[in-house]
Amino acid sequence: MEGVLRRRRQWPATAGLALALASANVSGIAAGAGTGSQQDAAVKAAFLFNFAKFAEWTAILPAAPIIACVIGDDEIAAALVVIVRGQTVAGHPIHVWRPEEANSWRTCHLLFVPAAEFRRGAERLGMLKMLPVLTVSDRKGFAQSEGIIELYVEEERVRFAINVDALERSGVRLSSRLLGLAKIIRDRHDQ
């Protein structure tokens, strides 16, 4: 109960950050700069951290780390390392990892696959659909097909879409407040 109350007290500051990020002007991302400027990387890393803050993985043991994996993007991984340094989420430290092999993705709690790296691991994402891995990408159409959260640009601002069907299959829970900030997507066959 104490963890829930602590999260509720953290909400105004985090929501403010999430809203600020959602309205951040990031025209470099709009141009498709998946591994572009450090500013773009910092914005994406901040979104990843906020997603972790409002996610709940029921299978994590108390005080065990949340493993945030970044595939193929040194700038985003480095920015995320800076953001999470000394931070915990519901008593869990956050460790940033850059797995080389797609077979190890199943050990991640949060997995970011940038659009530029998507072809390399697209077939491996299917093996994660029923696992508690919060998948995130900036690949266009990601939330409609392969994953849970898609970062996209609208009117030169970063937004995010969440596929609630994929989220439910994964067993990861996201805060209703985070869902309220997202564009909600359902699987194609349900539309």
Foldseek 3Di string as FASTA:
>chain_A
DVLVVVLVVCVVVLVVVVVCQQFDQAVVVVVVPLQDDLVVLLSVLSVQVSQVLFKDDPPDDAQEAQEAEEEPHPSNLVSNCVVQVVHARSNHRYDYDHDPDLVCQLVHQEYEYEQVRCVVCVVSLVVQQQANYQYEYCHPCCQQPRHAKHWYADPSGTAIEGAVVSNVSHRMDGDVVNVVRHHYHYHPVVD
